[in-house]
């Protein structure tokens, strides 16, 4: 069993930056959780469907939705089993609850989310 917890959300003005973290915990066999599996960041704005924002694949390239490309960066640290989302030049339309997600043996795991609010 894997537990994910996001942190790092908050309120910033447009143009500001935030770094979200997603910590993973579970059994010892789940080391390198993020680099060994497909891991993603999603977000959900009020009244809208959840949408993927960024993903990383095992030993493969990262990918981003068009609206955040060149502003957001997904990464992971195996030593701490933590995934990050560096968000720069934030815009009001980035306001949402952000969720981390990882698929292990075709089983999806989600964190509870962290709120990001960007004011104009």
PDB file of N, CA and C in Angstrom:
ATOM      1  N   UNK A   1       0.850  -1.188   0.000  1.00  0.00           N
ATOM      2  CA  UNK A   1       0.000   0.000   0.000  1.00  0.00           C
ATOM      3  C   UNK A   1       0.884   1.236   0.000  1.00  0.00           C
ATOM      4  N   UNK A   2       0.502   2.231  -0.811  1.00  0.00           N
ATOM      5  CA  UNK A   2       1.256   3.463  -0.936  1.00  0.00           C
ATOM      6  C   UNK A   2       0.374   4.630  -0.523  1.00  0.00           C
ATOM      7  N   UNK A   3       0.926   5.525   0.267  1.00  0.00           N
ATOM      8  CA  UNK A   3       0.216   6.749   0.626  1.00  0.00           C
ATOM      9  C   UNK A   3       0.961   7.942   0.035  1.00  0.00           C
ATOM     10  N   UNK A   4       0.201   8.849  -0.541  1.00  0.00           N
ATOM     11  CA  UNK A   4       0.759  10.065  -1.126  1.00  0.00           C
ATOM     12  C   UNK A   4       0.200  11.283  -0.399  1.00  0.00           C
ATOM     13  N   UNK A   5       1.056  12.252  -0.148  1.00  0.00           N
ATOM     14  CA  UNK A   5       0.615  13.492   0.485  1.00  0.00           C
ATOM     15  C   UNK A   5       1.286  14.673  -0.212  1.00  0.00           C
ATOM     16  N   UNK A   6       0.462  15.604  -0.716  1.00  0.00           N
ATOM     17  CA  UNK A   6       0.984  16.793  -1.355  1.00  0.00           C
ATOM     18  C   UNK A   6       1.204  17.900  -0.324  1.00  0.00           C
ATOM     19  N   UNK A   7       2.127  18.795  -0.633  1.00  0.00           N
ATOM     20  CA  UNK A   7       2.360  19.980   0.184  1.00  0.00           C
ATOM     21  C   UNK A   7       2.950  21.066  -0.701  1.00  0.00           C
ATOM     22  N   UNK A   8       3.003  22.274  -0.167  1.00  0.00           N
ATOM     23  CA  UNK A   8       3.629  23.369  -0.897  1.00  0.00           C
ATOM     24  C   UNK A   8       2.657  24.319  -1.561  1.00  0.00           C
ATOM     25  N   UNK A   9       1.371  24.028  -1.493  1.00  0.00           N
ATOM     26  CA  UNK A   9       0.402  24.938  -2.076  1.00  0.00           C
ATOM     27  C   UNK A   9       0.312  26.237  -1.279  1.00  0.00           C
ATOM     28  N   UNK A  10      -0.377  27.202  -1.837  1.00  0.00           N
ATOM     29  CA  UNK A  10      -0.537  28.480  -1.155  1.00  0.00           C
ATOM     30  C   UNK A  10      -1.129  29.514  -2.076  1.00  0.00           C
ATOM     31  N   UNK A  11      -1.059  30.768  -1.633  1.00  0.00           N
ATOM     32  CA  UNK A  11      -1.588  31.888  -2.405  1.00  0.00           C
ATOM     33  C   UNK A  11      -0.448  32.779  -2.862  1.00  0.00           C
ATOM     34  N   UNK A  12      -0.414  33.064  -4.146  1.00  0.00           N
ATOM     35  CA  UNK A  12       0.625  33.924  -4.703  1.00  0.00           C
ATOM     36  C   UNK A  12      -0.001  34.893  -5.695  1.00  0.00           C
ATOM     37  N   UNK A  13       0.742  35.938  -6.020  1.00  0.00           N
ATOM     38  CA  UNK A  13       0.303  36.846  -7.067  1.00  0.00           C
ATOM     39  C   UNK A  13       0.759  36.321  -8.429  1.00  0.00           C
ATOM     40  N   UNK A  14       0.089  36.771  -9.462  1.00  0.00           N
ATOM     41  CA  UNK A  14       0.471  36.384 -10.820  1.00  0.00           C
ATOM     42  C   UNK A  14       1.944  36.712 -11.059  1.00  0.00           C
ATOM     43  N   UNK A  15       2.620  35.790 -11.710  1.00  0.00           N
ATOM     44  CA  UNK A  15       4.049  35.932 -11.945  1.00  0.00           C
ATOM     45  C   UNK A  15       4.910  35.272 -10.888  1.00  0.00           C
ATOM     46  N   UNK A  16       4.299  34.865  -9.793  1.00  0.00           N
ATOM     47  CA  UNK A  16       5.043  34.242  -8.719  1.00  0.00           C
ATOM     48  C   UNK A  16       5.319  32.766  -8.981  1.00  0.00           C
ATOM     49  N   UNK A  17       5.974  32.138  -8.013  1.00  0.00           N
ATOM     50  CA  UNK A  17       6.367  30.738  -8.141  1.00  0.00           C
ATOM     51  C   UNK A  17       5.968  29.952  -6.895  1.00  0.00           C
ATOM     52  N   UNK A  18       5.746  28.682  -7.085  1.00  0.00           N
ATOM     53  CA  UNK A  18       5.520  27.737  -5.993  1.00  0.00           C
ATOM     54  C   UNK A  18       6.164  26.418  -6.398  1.00  0.00           C
ATOM     55  N   UNK A  19       6.582  25.653  -5.392  1.00  0.00           N
ATOM     56  CA  UNK A  19       7.051  24.296  -5.650  1.00  0.00           C
ATOM     57  C   UNK A  19       6.202  23.337  -4.835  1.00  0.00           C
ATOM     58  N   UNK A  20       5.477  22.493  -5.517  1.00  0.00           N
ATOM     59  CA  UNK A  20       4.670  21.478  -4.863  1.00  0.00           C
ATOM     60  C   UNK A  20       5.510  20.226  -4.652  1.00  0.00           C
ATOM     61  N   UNK A  21       5.250  19.564  -3.544  1.00  0.00           N
ATOM     62  CA  UNK A  21       5.913  18.300  -3.246  1.00  0.00           C
ATOM     63  C   UNK A  21       4.865  17.221  -3.057  1.00  0.00           C
ATOM     64  N   UNK A  22       5.234  16.009  -3.392  1.00  0.00           N
ATOM     65  CA  UNK A  22       4.369  14.847  -3.176  1.00  0.00           C
ATOM     66  C   UNK A  22       5.228  13.777  -2.521  1.00  0.00           C
ATOM     67  N   UNK A  23       4.983  13.558  -1.251  1.00  0.00           N
ATOM     68  CA  UNK A  23       5.733  12.558  -0.512  1.00  0.00           C
ATOM     69  C   UNK A  23       5.033  11.216  -0.547  1.00  0.00           C
ATOM     70  N   UNK A  24       5.806  10.163  -0.739  1.00  0.00           N
ATOM     71  CA  UNK A  24       5.249   8.816  -0.791  1.00  0.00           C
ATOM     72  C   UNK A  24       5.747   8.002   0.389  1.00  0.00           C
ATOM     73  N   UNK A  25       4.873   7.213   0.938  1.00  0.00           N
ATOM     74  CA  UNK A  25       5.242   6.304   2.010  1.00  0.00           C
ATOM     75  C   UNK A  25       4.529   4.980   1.788  1.00  0.00           C
ATOM     76  N   UNK A  26       5.076   3.923   2.376  1.00  0.00           N
ATOM     77  CA  UNK A  26       4.495   2.608   2.206  1.00  0.00           C
ATOM     78  C   UNK A  26       5.517   1.558   2.555  1.00  0.00           C
ATOM     79  N   UNK A  27       5.426   0.436   1.922  1.00  0.00           N
ATOM     80  CA  UNK A  27       6.336  -0.638   2.240  1.00  0.00           C
ATOM     81  C   UNK A  27       7.707  -0.384   1.632  1.00  0.00           C
ATOM     82  N   UNK A  28       8.675  -1.042   2.148  1.00  0.00           N
ATOM     83  CA  UNK A  28      10.043  -0.864   1.671  1.00  0.00           C
ATOM     84  C   UNK A  28      10.189  -1.261   0.222  1.00  0.00           C
ATOM     85  N   UNK A  29       9.326  -2.132  -0.259  1.00  0.00           N
ATOM     86  CA  UNK A  29       9.433  -2.572  -1.657  1.00  0.00           C
ATOM     87  C   UNK A  29       9.028  -1.475  -2.621  1.00  0.00           C
ATOM     88  N   UNK A  30       8.463  -0.390  -2.105  1.00  0.00           N
ATOM     89  CA  UNK A  30       8.027   0.696  -2.965  1.00  0.00           C
ATOM     90  C   UNK A  30       9.065   1.805  -3.072  1.00  0.00           C
ATOM     91  N   UNK A  31      10.323   1.455  -3.005  1.00  0.00           N
ATOM     92  CA  UNK A  31      11.351   2.474  -3.178  1.00  0.00           C
ATOM     93  C   UNK A  31      11.354   2.924  -4.628  1.00  0.00           C
ATOM     94  N   UNK A  32      11.890   4.125  -4.871  1.00  0.00           N
ATOM     95  CA  UNK A  32      11.911   4.694  -6.219  1.00  0.00           C
ATOM     96  C   UNK A  32      10.514   4.692  -6.836  1.00  0.00           C
ATOM     97  N   UNK A  33       9.541   5.034  -6.026  1.00  0.00           N
ATOM     98  CA  UNK A  33       8.149   4.963  -6.466  1.00  0.00           C
ATOM     99  C   UNK A  33       7.911   5.786  -7.714  1.00  0.00           C
ATOM    100  N   UNK A  34       8.446   7.015  -7.745  1.00  0.00           N
ATOM    101  CA  UNK A  34       8.107   7.921  -8.837  1.00  0.00           C
ATOM    102  C   UNK A  34       8.957   7.671 -10.076  1.00  0.00           C
ATOM    103  N   UNK A  35      10.227   7.371  -9.922  1.00  0.00           N
ATOM    104  CA  UNK A  35      11.061   7.173 -11.103  1.00  0.00           C
ATOM    105  C   UNK A  35      10.859   5.809 -11.728  1.00  0.00           C
ATOM    106  N   UNK A  36      10.305   4.860 -10.988  1.00  0.00           N
ATOM    107  CA  UNK A  36      10.116   3.507 -11.515  1.00  0.00           C
ATOM    108  C   UNK A  36       8.719   3.288 -12.078  1.00  0.00           C
ATOM    109  N   UNK A  37       7.842   4.266 -11.939  1.00  0.00           N
ATOM    110  CA  UNK A  37       6.460   4.141 -12.414  1.00  0.00           C
ATOM    111  C   UNK A  37       6.040   5.424 -13.119  1.00  0.00           C
ATOM    112  N   UNK A  38       4.903   5.369 -13.800  1.00  0.00           N
ATOM    113  CA  UNK A  38       4.364   6.579 -14.418  1.00  0.00           C
ATOM    114  C   UNK A  38       3.738   7.437 -13.326  1.00  0.00           C
ATOM    115  N   UNK A  39       4.215   8.654 -13.219  1.00  0.00           N
ATOM    116  CA  UNK A  39       3.755   9.569 -12.176  1.00  0.00           C
ATOM    117  C   UNK A  39       3.275  10.860 -12.816  1.00  0.00           C
ATOM    118  N   UNK A  40       2.236  11.440 -12.240  1.00  0.00           N
ATOM    119  CA  UNK A  40       1.606  12.610 -12.847  1.00  0.00           C
ATOM    120  C   UNK A  40       1.178  13.617 -11.779  1.00  0.00           C
ATOM    121  N   UNK A  41       1.044  14.818 -12.213  1.00  0.00           N
ATOM    122  CA  UNK A  41       0.352  15.863 -11.457  1.00  0.00           C
ATOM    123  C   UNK A  41      -0.937  16.195 -12.210  1.00  0.00           C
ATOM    124  N   UNK A  42      -2.021  16.319 -11.467  1.00  0.00           N
ATOM    125  CA  UNK A  42      -3.307  16.747 -11.990  1.00  0.00           C
ATOM    126  C   UNK A  42      -3.723  18.001 -11.234  1.00  0.00           C
ATOM    127  N   UNK A  43      -4.738  18.664 -11.766  1.00  0.00           N
ATOM    128  CA  UNK A  43      -5.348  19.773 -11.038  1.00  0.00           C
ATOM    129  C   UNK A  43      -6.836  19.817 -11.341  1.00  0.00           C
ATOM    130  N   UNK A  44      -7.555  20.407 -10.411  1.00  0.00           N
ATOM    131  CA  UNK A  44      -9.002  20.549 -10.586  1.00  0.00           C
ATOM    132  C   UNK A  44      -9.418  21.923 -10.086  1.00  0.00           C
ATOM    133  N   UNK A  45      -9.912  22.734 -11.004  1.00  0.00           N
ATOM    134  CA  UNK A  45     -10.416  24.061 -10.662  1.00  0.00           C
ATOM    135  C   UNK A  45     -11.889  23.945 -10.293  1.00  0.00           C
ATOM    136  N   UNK A  46     -12.402  24.903  -9.531  1.00  0.00           N
ATOM    137  CA  UNK A  46     -13.820  24.854  -9.133  1.00  0.00           C
ATOM    138  C   UNK A  46     -14.739  24.757 -10.343  1.00  0.00           C
ATOM    139  N   UNK A  47     -15.650  23.796 -10.314  1.00  0.00           N
ATOM    140  CA  UNK A  47     -16.610  23.645 -11.385  1.00  0.00           C
ATOM    141  C   UNK A  47     -16.072  23.006 -12.644  1.00  0.00           C
ATOM    142  N   UNK A  48     -14.828  22.555 -12.616  1.00  0.00           N
ATOM    143  CA  UNK A  48     -14.222  21.948 -13.803  1.00  0.00           C
ATOM    144  C   UNK A  48     -13.768  20.528 -13.512  1.00  0.00           C
ATOM    145  N   UNK A  49     -13.555  19.780 -14.590  1.00  0.00           N
ATOM    146  CA  UNK A  49     -13.063  18.420 -14.441  1.00  0.00           C
ATOM    147  C   UNK A  49     -11.577  18.420 -14.102  1.00  0.00           C
ATOM    148  N   UNK A  50     -11.159  17.351 -13.455  1.00  0.00           N
ATOM    149  CA  UNK A  50      -9.744  17.191 -13.156  1.00  0.00           C
ATOM    150  C   UNK A  50      -8.979  17.008 -14.468  1.00  0.00           C
ATOM    151  N   UNK A  51      -7.838  17.662 -14.594  1.00  0.00           N
ATOM    152  CA  UNK A  51      -7.041  17.568 -15.808  1.00  0.00           C
ATOM    153  C   UNK A  51      -5.589  17.291 -15.457  1.00  0.00           C
ATOM    154  N   UNK A  52      -4.924  16.546 -16.343  1.00  0.00           N
ATOM    155  CA  UNK A  52      -3.522  16.276 -16.065  1.00  0.00           C
ATOM    156  C   UNK A  52      -2.694  17.498 -16.417  1.00  0.00           C
ATOM    157  N   UNK A  53      -1.624  17.667 -15.710  1.00  0.00           N
ATOM    158  CA  UNK A  53      -0.770  18.834 -15.875  1.00  0.00           C
ATOM    159  C   UNK A  53       0.613  18.429 -16.377  1.00  0.00           C
ATOM    160  N   UNK A  54       1.179  17.396 -15.774  1.00  0.00           N
ATOM    161  CA  UNK A  54       2.530  16.980 -16.132  1.00  0.00           C
ATOM    162  C   UNK A  54       2.693  15.509 -15.806  1.00  0.00           C
ATOM    163  N   UNK A  55       3.555  14.844 -16.544  1.00  0.00           N
ATOM    164  CA  UNK A  55       3.805  13.438 -16.269  1.00  0.00           C
ATOM    165  C   UNK A  55       5.268  13.096 -16.506  1.00  0.00           C
ATOM    166  N   UNK A  56       5.684  12.057 -15.801  1.00  0.00           N
ATOM    167  CA  UNK A  56       7.013  11.508 -16.020  1.00  0.00           C
ATOM    168  C   UNK A  56       6.896   9.998 -16.093  1.00  0.00           C
ATOM    169  N   UNK A  57       7.647   9.405 -17.004  1.00  0.00           N
ATOM    170  CA  UNK A  57       7.594   7.955 -17.218  1.00  0.00           C
ATOM    171  C   UNK A  57       8.922   7.329 -16.795  1.00  0.00           C
ATOM    172  N   UNK A  58       8.918   6.048 -16.472  1.00  0.00           N
ATOM    173  CA  UNK A  58      10.153   5.400 -16.027  1.00  0.00           C
ATOM    174  C   UNK A  58      11.261   5.514 -17.067  1.00  0.00           C
ATOM    175  N   UNK A  59      12.310   6.186 -16.695  1.00  0.00           N
ATOM    176  CA  UNK A  59      13.489   6.324 -17.560  1.00  0.00           C
ATOM    177  C   UNK A  59      13.129   6.941 -18.906  1.00  0.00           C
ATOM    178  N   UNK A  60      12.056   7.710 -18.916  1.00  0.00           N
ATOM    179  CA  UNK A  60      11.624   8.291 -20.173  1.00  0.00           C
ATOM    180  C   UNK A  60      11.399   9.780 -20.086  1.00  0.00           C
ATOM    181  N   UNK A  61      10.867  10.363 -21.148  1.00  0.00           N
ATOM    182  CA  UNK A  61      10.682  11.820 -21.175  1.00  0.00           C
ATOM    183  C   UNK A  61       9.529  12.274 -20.302  1.00  0.00           C
ATOM    184  N   UNK A  62       9.558  13.560 -19.990  1.00  0.00           N
ATOM    185  CA  UNK A  62       8.435  14.190 -19.310  1.00  0.00           C
ATOM    186  C   UNK A  62       7.527  14.833 -20.353  1.00  0.00           C
ATOM    187  N   UNK A  63       6.320  15.154 -19.953  1.00  0.00           N
ATOM    188  CA  UNK A  63       5.382  15.801 -20.863  1.00  0.00           C
ATOM    189  C   UNK A  63       4.488  16.733 -20.060  1.00  0.00           C
ATOM    190  N   UNK A  64       4.002  17.765 -20.711  1.00  0.00           N
ATOM    191  CA  UNK A  64       3.210  18.785 -20.040  1.00  0.00           C
ATOM    192  C   UNK A  64       2.030  19.177 -20.916  1.00  0.00           C
ATOM    193  N   UNK A  65       0.943  19.582 -20.244  1.00  0.00           N
ATOM    194  CA  UNK A  65      -0.135  20.143 -21.044  1.00  0.00           C
ATOM    195  C   UNK A  65       0.338  21.472 -21.596  1.00  0.00           C
ATOM    196  N   UNK A  66      -0.203  21.846 -22.739  1.00  0.00           N
ATOM    197  CA  UNK A  66       0.291  23.003 -23.477  1.00  0.00           C
ATOM    198  C   UNK A  66       0.296  24.273 -22.629  1.00  0.00           C
ATOM    199  N   UNK A  67      -0.728  24.461 -21.818  1.00  0.00           N
ATOM    200  CA  UNK A  67      -0.882  25.730 -21.083  1.00  0.00           C
ATOM    201  C   UNK A  67       0.180  25.934 -20.002  1.00  0.00           C
ATOM    202  N   UNK A  68       0.896  24.874 -19.621  1.00  0.00           N
ATOM    203  CA  UNK A  68       1.902  25.027 -18.561  1.00  0.00           C
ATOM    204  C   UNK A  68       3.314  24.763 -19.067  1.00  0.00           C
ATOM    205  N   UNK A  69       3.413  24.341 -20.333  1.00  0.00           N
ATOM    206  CA  UNK A  69       4.735  24.034 -20.888  1.00  0.00           C
ATOM    207  C   UNK A  69       5.623  25.261 -20.802  1.00  0.00           C
ATOM    208  N   UNK A  70       6.853  25.067 -20.465  1.00  0.00           N
ATOM    209  CA  UNK A  70       7.862  26.121 -20.310  1.00  0.00           C
ATOM    210  C   UNK A  70       7.683  26.922 -19.028  1.00  0.00           C
ATOM    211  N   UNK A  71       6.664  26.606 -18.219  1.00  0.00           N
ATOM    212  CA  UNK A  71       6.498  27.270 -16.920  1.00  0.00           C
ATOM    213  C   UNK A  71       6.602  26.286 -15.770  1.00  0.00           C
ATOM    214  N   UNK A  72       6.163  25.049 -15.979  1.00  0.00           N
ATOM    215  CA  UNK A  72       6.153  24.029 -14.930  1.00  0.00           C
ATOM    216  C   UNK A  72       7.211  22.973 -15.237  1.00  0.00           C
ATOM    217  N   UNK A  73       7.775  22.405 -14.174  1.00  0.00           N
ATOM    218  CA  UNK A  73       8.761  21.338 -14.326  1.00  0.00           C
ATOM    219  C   UNK A  73       8.466  20.226 -13.317  1.00  0.00           C
ATOM    220  N   UNK A  74       8.339  19.004 -13.810  1.00  0.00           N
ATOM    221  CA  UNK A  74       8.114  17.846 -12.951  1.00  0.00           C
ATOM    222  C   UNK A  74       9.444  17.145 -12.729  1.00  0.00           C
ATOM    223  N   UNK A  75       9.658  16.677 -11.506  1.00  0.00           N
ATOM    224  CA  UNK A  75      10.892  15.967 -11.195  1.00  0.00           C
ATOM    225  C   UNK A  75      10.650  15.070  -9.994  1.00  0.00           C
ATOM    226  N   UNK A  76      11.622  14.228  -9.696  1.00  0.00           N
ATOM    227  CA  UNK A  76      11.500  13.327  -8.550  1.00  0.00           C
ATOM    228  C   UNK A  76      12.860  13.093  -7.919  1.00  0.00           C
ATOM    229  N   UNK A  77      12.837  12.827  -6.634  1.00  0.00           N
ATOM    230  CA  UNK A  77      14.047  12.534  -5.868  1.00  0.00           C
ATOM    231  C   UNK A  77      13.880  11.144  -5.268  1.00  0.00           C
ATOM    232  N   UNK A  78      14.648  10.185  -5.779  1.00  0.00           N
ATOM    233  CA  UNK A  78      14.510   8.812  -5.306  1.00  0.00           C
ATOM    234  C   UNK A  78      14.946   8.652  -3.860  1.00  0.00           C
ATOM    235  N   UNK A  79      15.903   9.436  -3.426  1.00  0.00           N
ATOM    236  CA  UNK A  79      16.414   9.247  -2.061  1.00  0.00           C
ATOM    237  C   UNK A  79      15.345   9.556  -1.019  1.00  0.00           C
ATOM    238  N   UNK A  80      14.431  10.452  -1.350  1.00  0.00           N
ATOM    239  CA  UNK A  80      13.378  10.803  -0.392  1.00  0.00           C
ATOM    240  C   UNK A  80      11.995  10.357  -0.859  1.00  0.00           C
ATOM    241  N   UNK A  81      11.922   9.658  -1.992  1.00  0.00           N
ATOM    242  CA  UNK A  81      10.630   9.238  -2.567  1.00  0.00           C
ATOM    243  C   UNK A  81       9.665  10.414  -2.631  1.00  0.00           C
ATOM    244  N   UNK A  82      10.137  11.490  -3.224  1.00  0.00           N
ATOM    245  CA  UNK A  82       9.338  12.707  -3.343  1.00  0.00           C
ATOM    246  C   UNK A  82       9.294  13.154  -4.792  1.00  0.00           C
ATOM    247  N   UNK A  83       8.123  13.559  -5.236  1.00  0.00           N
ATOM    248  CA  UNK A  83       7.957  14.135  -6.571  1.00  0.00           C
ATOM    249  C   UNK A  83       7.667  15.622  -6.410  1.00  0.00           C
ATOM    250  N   UNK A  84       8.138  16.390  -7.357  1.00  0.00           N
ATOM    251  CA  UNK A  84       7.984  17.836  -7.277  1.00  0.00           C
ATOM    252  C   UNK A  84       7.296  18.382  -8.526  1.00  0.00           C
ATOM    253  N   UNK A  85       6.694  19.539  -8.353  1.00  0.00           N
ATOM    254  CA  UNK A  85       6.201  20.317  -9.488  1.00  0.00           C
ATOM    255  C   UNK A  85       6.620  21.758  -9.239  1.00  0.00           C
ATOM    256  N   UNK A  86       7.638  22.192  -9.955  1.00  0.00           N
ATOM    257  CA  UNK A  86       8.064  23.580  -9.866  1.00  0.00           C
ATOM    258  C   UNK A  86       7.195  24.391 -10.807  1.00  0.00           C
ATOM    259  N   UNK A  87       6.547  25.406 -10.269  1.00  0.00           N
ATOM    260  CA  UNK A  87       5.625  26.217 -11.048  1.00  0.00           C
ATOM    261  C   UNK A  87       6.115  27.662 -11.035  1.00  0.00           C
ATOM    262  N   UNK A  88       6.466  28.152 -12.200  1.00  0.00           N
ATOM    263  CA  UNK A  88       6.948  29.523 -12.343  1.00  0.00           C
ATOM    264  C   UNK A  88       5.972  30.341 -13.179  1.00  0.00           C
ATOM    265  N   UNK A  89       6.085  31.653 -13.059  1.00  0.00           N
ATOM    266  CA  UNK A  89       5.228  32.561 -13.827  1.00  0.00           C
ATOM    267  C   UNK A  89       3.759  32.141 -13.730  1.00  0.00           C
ATOM    268  N   UNK A  90       3.309  31.972 -12.506  1.00  0.00           N
ATOM    269  CA  UNK A  90       1.940  31.500 -12.294  1.00  0.00           C
ATOM    270  C   UNK A  90       0.923  32.506 -12.778  1.00  0.00           C
ATOM    271  N   UNK A  91      -0.185  31.980 -13.263  1.00  0.00           N
ATOM    272  CA  UNK A  91      -1.275  32.798 -13.795  1.00  0.00           C
ATOM    273  C   UNK A  91      -2.552  32.502 -13.019  1.00  0.00           C
ATOM    274  N   UNK A  92      -3.495  33.435 -13.003  1.00  0.00           N
ATOM    275  CA  UNK A  92      -4.761  33.184 -12.288  1.00  0.00           C
ATOM    276  C   UNK A  92      -5.446  31.897 -12.740  1.00  0.00           C
ATOM    277  N   UNK A  93      -5.308  31.546 -14.002  1.00  0.00           N
ATOM    278  CA  UNK A  93      -5.949  30.327 -14.497  1.00  0.00           C
ATOM    279  C   UNK A  93      -5.272  29.055 -14.000  1.00  0.00           C
ATOM    280  N   UNK A  94      -4.164  29.191 -13.285  1.00  0.00           N
ATOM    281  CA  UNK A  94      -3.532  28.033 -12.657  1.00  0.00           C
ATOM    282  C   UNK A  94      -4.157  27.707 -11.303  1.00  0.00           C
ATOM    283  N   UNK A  95      -5.067  28.552 -10.843  1.00  0.00           N
ATOM    284  CA  UNK A  95      -5.729  28.324  -9.566  1.00  0.00           C
ATOM    285  C   UNK A  95      -6.513  27.027  -9.588  1.00  0.00           C
ATOM    286  N   UNK A  96      -6.217  26.144  -8.650  1.00  0.00           N
ATOM    287  CA  UNK A  96      -6.851  24.824  -8.613  1.00  0.00           C
ATOM    288  C   UNK A  96      -6.331  24.058  -7.399  1.00  0.00           C
ATOM    289  N   UNK A  97      -6.953  22.926  -7.141  1.00  0.00           N
ATOM    290  CA  UNK A  97      -6.385  21.952  -6.220  1.00  0.00           C
ATOM    291  C   UNK A  97      -5.505  21.020  -7.053  1.00  0.00           C
ATOM    292  N   UNK A  98      -4.278  20.846  -6.618  1.00  0.00           N
ATOM    293  CA  UNK A  98      -3.313  20.025  -7.344  1.00  0.00           C
ATOM    294  C   UNK A  98      -3.153  18.676  -6.645  1.00  0.00           C
ATOM    295  N   UNK A  99      -3.174  17.616  -7.455  1.00  0.00           N
ATOM    296  CA  UNK A  99      -3.091  16.250  -6.948  1.00  0.00           C
ATOM    297  C   UNK A  99      -1.898  15.537  -7.592  1.00  0.00           C
ATOM    298  N   UNK A 100      -1.227  14.718  -6.810  1.00  0.00           N
ATOM    299  CA  UNK A 100      -0.218  13.837  -7.405  1.00  0.00           C
ATOM    300  C   UNK A 100      -0.817  12.441  -7.556  1.00  0.00           C
ATOM    301  N   UNK A 101      -0.275  11.732  -8.517  1.00  0.00           N
ATOM    302  CA  UNK A 101      -0.803  10.415  -8.890  1.00  0.00           C
ATOM    303  C   UNK A 101       0.340   9.534  -9.346  1.00  0.00           C
ATOM    304  N   UNK A 102       0.310   8.284  -8.955  1.00  0.00           N
ATOM    305  CA  UNK A 102       1.297   7.326  -9.443  1.00  0.00           C
ATOM    306  C   UNK A 102       0.580   6.006  -9.702  1.00  0.00           C
ATOM    307  N   UNK A 103       0.975   5.328 -10.773  1.00  0.00           N
ATOM    308  CA  UNK A 103       0.407   4.034 -11.109  1.00  0.00           C
ATOM    309  C   UNK A 103       1.438   2.951 -10.833  1.00  0.00           C
ATOM    310  N   UNK A 104       1.109   2.051  -9.952  1.00  0.00           N
ATOM    311  CA  UNK A 104       2.010   0.956  -9.594  1.00  0.00           C
ATOM    312  C   UNK A 104       1.289  -0.343  -9.899  1.00  0.00           C
ATOM    313  N   UNK A 105       1.854  -1.130 -10.811  1.00  0.00           N
ATOM    314  CA  UNK A 105       1.216  -2.385 -11.239  1.00  0.00           C
ATOM    315  C   UNK A 105      -0.234  -2.145 -11.644  1.00  0.00           C
ATOM    316  N   UNK A 106      -0.450  -1.078 -12.405  1.00  0.00           N
ATOM    317  CA  UNK A 106      -1.751  -0.697 -12.952  1.00  0.00           C
ATOM    318  C   UNK A 106      -2.739  -0.250 -11.871  1.00  0.00           C
ATOM    319  N   UNK A 107      -2.284  -0.034 -10.668  1.00  0.00           N
ATOM    320  CA  UNK A 107      -3.132   0.456  -9.588  1.00  0.00           C
ATOM    321  C   UNK A 107      -2.807   1.942  -9.370  1.00  0.00           C
ATOM    322  N   UNK A 108      -3.828   2.824  -9.503  1.00  0.00           N
ATOM    323  CA  UNK A 108      -3.563   4.257  -9.301  1.00  0.00           C
ATOM    324  C   UNK A 108      -3.631   4.635  -7.836  1.00  0.00           C
ATOM    325  N   UNK A 109      -2.730   5.502  -7.440  1.00  0.00           N
ATOM    326  CA  UNK A 109      -2.722   6.055  -6.089  1.00  0.00           C
ATOM    327  C   UNK A 109      -2.781   7.574  -6.195  1.00  0.00           C
ATOM    328  N   UNK A 110      -3.560   8.188  -5.305  1.00  0.00           N
ATOM    329  CA  UNK A 110      -3.763   9.633  -5.311  1.00  0.00           C
ATOM    330  C   UNK A 110      -3.470  10.222  -3.940  1.00  0.00           C
ATOM    331  N   UNK A 111      -3.010  11.442  -3.953  1.00  0.00           N
ATOM    332  CA  UNK A 111      -2.930  12.208  -2.724  1.00  0.00           C
ATOM    333  C   UNK A 111      -4.219  12.985  -2.533  1.00  0.00           C
ATOM    334  N   UNK A 112      -4.395  13.611  -1.360  1.00  0.00           N
ATOM    335  CA  UNK A 112      -5.632  14.358  -1.078  1.00  0.00           C
ATOM    336  C   UNK A 112      -5.685  15.721  -1.742  1.00  0.00           C
ATOM    337  N   UNK A 113      -4.541  16.220  -2.236  1.00  0.00           N
ATOM    338  CA  UNK A 113      -4.528  17.495  -2.946  1.00  0.00           C
ATOM    339  C   UNK A 113      -4.025  18.647  -2.100  1.00  0.00           C
ATOM    340  N   UNK A 114      -3.546  19.680  -2.788  1.00  0.00           N
ATOM    341  CA  UNK A 114      -3.100  20.913  -2.137  1.00  0.00           C
ATOM    342  C   UNK A 114      -3.588  22.089  -2.965  1.00  0.00           C
ATOM    343  N   UNK A 115      -4.086  23.120  -2.297  1.00  0.00           N
ATOM    344  CA  UNK A 115      -4.704  24.261  -2.981  1.00  0.00           C
ATOM    345  C   UNK A 115      -3.642  25.252  -3.450  1.00  0.00           C
ATOM    346  N   UNK A 116      -3.775  25.669  -4.691  1.00  0.00           N
ATOM    347  CA  UNK A 116      -2.946  26.738  -5.252  1.00  0.00           C
ATOM    348  C   UNK A 116      -3.880  27.846  -5.713  1.00  0.00           C
ATOM    349  N   UNK A 117      -3.650  29.053  -5.218  1.00  0.00           N
ATOM    350  CA  UNK A 117      -4.477  30.197  -5.587  1.00  0.00           C
ATOM    351  C   UNK A 117      -3.575  31.298  -6.122  1.00  0.00           C
ATOM    352  N   UNK A 118      -3.894  31.786  -7.314  1.00  0.00           N
ATOM    353  CA  UNK A 118      -3.088  32.819  -7.951  1.00  0.00           C
ATOM    354  C   UNK A 118      -3.975  34.033  -8.200  1.00  0.00           C
ATOM    355  N   UNK A 119      -3.593  35.159  -7.643  1.00  0.00           N
ATOM    356  CA  UNK A 119      -4.373  36.376  -7.804  1.00  0.00           C
ATOM    357  C   UNK A 119      -3.752  37.268  -8.882  1.00  0.00           C
ATOM    358  N   UNK A 120      -4.609  38.031  -9.525  1.00  0.00           N
ATOM    359  CA  UNK A 120      -4.126  38.910 -10.610  1.00  0.00           C
ATOM    360  C   UNK A 120      -3.678  40.250 -10.075  1.00  0.00           C
TER     361      UNK A 120
END
